[in-house]
Amino acid sequence: MAALLNPYLSFKDTCRAAMEFYQDVFGGDLVVNTFGEYGASDAPGADLVMHSMLTTPAGFALMASDTPEGMEFVEGSQITISVSGDGDDSDAIRDYWGRLCAGGTVTMPLEKQIWGDEFGMVTDRFGIGWLVNIGGGAA
C-alpha cells in the first residue's frame, strides 16, 4: 500500500450523521468505530465515533471523528490532514512526522496505540493539524 494523504474532519457529537450523509452523496463503503469499542462500552460518549472512513468508487477517502469530552472542539477548525500507511511505508512516514514536528507542537507522540498501529498528532508551525498513522495490525 502506498502512503495516503486524506482530509480528516472533526465533529462534536454529529460525526456518524455527517459521514452517513457524505456516503449518501458520494457512495462507497463507510467504516465506523466507536469509543466504546476501544474502552468501557457503558462509559459516557461510548457511542460517539472514535474513527470513521468513507472510501468511494471515485477514489475519494474521507476520515472523521467526534471530539470526546476533555478535548477542545473549536468551531471552524474542524479539519486536519491524515497521513497513513503500512509497514512498507513506515520509514517515509516517520520522516514526514519528523519534518512536520520541526517548529510545530506535538499533541500526541507517535507511539503504539490500543488498536495496534503507531499514531501521533502534531500541529505544524503554520497551525495545521496532522494525524500520522503507521499500520501495524489489530490490537
Protein backbone atom coordinates (compact mmCIF):
# COMPACT_ATOMS: atom_id res chain seq x y z
CA MET A 1 0.00 0.00 0.00
CA ALA A 2 1.26 3.47 -0.82
CA ALA A 3 1.12 6.21 1.80
CA LEU A 4 -2.13 8.16 1.79
CA LEU A 5 -2.94 11.82 2.42
CA ASN A 6 -6.56 12.44 3.48
CA PRO A 7 -8.73 15.20 4.89
CA TYR A 8 -9.83 14.42 8.45
CA LEU A 9 -12.96 16.13 9.79
CA SER A 10 -13.82 16.73 13.45
CA PHE A 11 -17.35 16.95 14.79
CA LYS A 12 -19.00 17.49 18.17
CA ASP A 13 -21.39 14.52 18.54
CA THR A 14 -22.58 14.51 14.88
CA CYS A 15 -19.88 12.51 13.10
CA ARG A 16 -21.99 9.44 12.36
CA ALA A 17 -24.81 11.51 10.81
CA ALA A 18 -22.35 13.59 8.79
CA MET A 19 -20.48 10.57 7.46
CA GLU A 20 -23.74 8.79 6.56
CA PHE A 21 -24.73 11.95 4.68
CA TYR A 22 -21.38 12.01 2.80
CA GLN A 23 -21.85 8.32 1.99
CA ASP A 24 -25.25 9.16 0.54
CA VAL A 25 -23.69 11.96 -1.52
CA PHE A 26 -20.56 10.15 -2.77
CA GLY A 27 -21.46 6.46 -2.40
CA GLY A 28 -18.90 3.94 -1.25
CA ASP A 29 -18.09 2.00 1.88
CA LEU A 30 -18.27 3.54 5.35
CA VAL A 31 -16.47 2.03 8.34
CA VAL A 32 -17.30 3.45 11.78
CA ASN A 33 -15.58 2.63 15.09
CA THR A 34 -16.86 3.99 18.39
CA PHE A 35 -15.01 4.94 21.57
CA GLY A 36 -16.90 2.13 23.29
CA GLU A 37 -15.27 -0.45 21.03
CA TYR A 38 -11.88 0.56 22.46
CA GLY A 39 -12.81 1.14 26.08
CA ALA A 40 -15.70 0.88 28.51
CA SER A 41 -18.78 0.29 26.39
CA ASP A 42 -21.03 1.79 29.08
CA ALA A 43 -18.98 4.99 29.60
CA PRO A 44 -20.48 8.37 28.67
CA GLY A 45 -19.80 9.02 24.99
CA ALA A 46 -19.10 5.35 24.24
CA ASP A 47 -21.42 5.54 21.21
CA LEU A 48 -19.54 8.52 19.72
CA VAL A 49 -17.28 7.96 16.73
CA MET A 50 -13.59 7.47 17.52
CA HIS A 51 -12.71 6.99 13.84
CA SER A 52 -14.58 6.61 10.57
CA MET A 53 -13.53 6.32 6.96
CA LEU A 54 -15.53 6.63 3.78
CA THR A 55 -13.93 5.14 0.66
CA THR A 56 -15.73 5.95 -2.58
CA PRO A 57 -15.83 4.39 -6.05
CA ALA A 58 -14.25 7.61 -7.39
CA GLY A 59 -11.19 7.01 -5.21
CA PHE A 60 -12.04 9.60 -2.54
CA ALA A 61 -11.20 8.84 1.07
CA LEU A 62 -12.71 10.95 3.84
CA MET A 63 -11.98 10.37 7.53
CA ALA A 64 -13.74 11.83 10.57
CA SER A 65 -14.37 11.52 14.29
CA ASP A 66 -16.30 13.06 17.15
CA THR A 67 -14.42 15.22 19.64
CA PRO A 68 -14.56 13.46 23.01
CA GLU A 69 -15.11 15.14 26.37
CA GLY A 70 -11.88 16.63 27.65
CA MET A 71 -10.64 17.64 24.20
CA GLU A 72 -11.28 21.13 22.89
CA PHE A 73 -13.66 21.49 19.95
CA VAL A 74 -13.16 24.72 18.04
CA GLU A 75 -15.93 25.59 15.60
CA GLY A 76 -14.39 26.42 12.21
CA SER A 77 -11.23 24.41 12.89
CA GLN A 78 -12.76 21.10 12.02
CA ILE A 79 -10.24 19.77 9.53
CA THR A 80 -6.85 18.18 9.91
CA ILE A 81 -4.81 16.18 7.45
CA SER A 82 -4.17 12.48 7.89
CA VAL A 83 -1.03 10.75 6.61
CA SER A 84 -1.25 6.97 6.85
CA GLY A 85 0.36 3.84 5.51
CA ASP A 86 1.53 0.40 6.50
CA GLY A 87 4.88 -1.07 7.48
CA ASP A 88 6.18 -0.80 3.91
CA ASP A 89 5.84 2.98 4.19
CA SER A 90 6.97 3.34 7.80
CA ASP A 91 10.38 4.92 7.10
CA ALA A 92 8.88 7.54 4.79
CA ILE A 93 6.01 8.26 7.21
CA ARG A 94 8.41 8.62 10.17
CA ASP A 95 10.41 11.07 8.04
CA TYR A 96 7.22 13.07 7.32
CA TRP A 97 6.46 13.03 11.06
CA GLY A 98 9.89 14.39 11.95
CA ARG A 99 9.67 17.15 9.37
CA LEU A 100 6.12 18.13 10.39
CA CYS A 101 7.22 18.33 14.04
CA ALA A 102 10.06 20.77 13.24
CA GLY A 103 8.90 24.09 14.68
CA GLY A 104 5.49 22.59 15.49
CA THR A 105 3.72 21.33 18.61
CA VAL A 106 3.33 17.60 19.24
CA THR A 107 -0.05 17.00 20.87
CA MET A 108 0.31 13.20 20.95
CA PRO A 109 3.66 11.46 20.39
CA LEU A 110 3.95 8.91 17.57
CA GLU A 111 3.50 5.74 19.65
CA LYS A 112 1.84 2.34 19.51
CA GLN A 113 -1.88 2.63 20.28
CA ILE A 114 -4.57 0.26 21.56
CA TRP A 115 -5.70 -0.58 18.02
CA GLY A 116 -2.21 -1.85 17.17
CA ASP A 117 -0.91 0.98 14.97
CA GLU A 118 1.58 3.74 15.70
CA PHE A 119 -0.28 7.05 15.85
CA GLY A 120 0.62 10.64 16.65
CA MET A 121 -0.76 14.16 16.34
CA VAL A 122 1.12 17.38 15.64
CA THR A 123 0.22 20.96 14.80
CA ASP A 124 2.80 22.22 12.33
CA ARG A 125 4.47 25.62 12.52
CA PHE A 126 1.74 27.05 10.27
CA GLY A 127 -1.08 25.94 12.59
CA ILE A 128 -2.23 22.95 10.50
CA GLY A 129 -3.15 19.81 12.44
CA TRP A 130 -1.74 16.48 11.23
CA LEU A 131 -2.68 12.91 12.20
CA VAL A 132 0.02 10.36 11.41
CA ASN A 133 -0.71 6.61 11.43
CA ILE A 134 1.55 3.68 10.62
CA GLY A 135 -0.45 0.44 10.30
CA GLY A 136 0.70 -2.44 12.40
CA GLY A 137 -2.28 -4.74 12.72
CA ALA A 138 -5.24 -5.13 15.04
CA ALA A 139 -4.86 -4.94 18.79
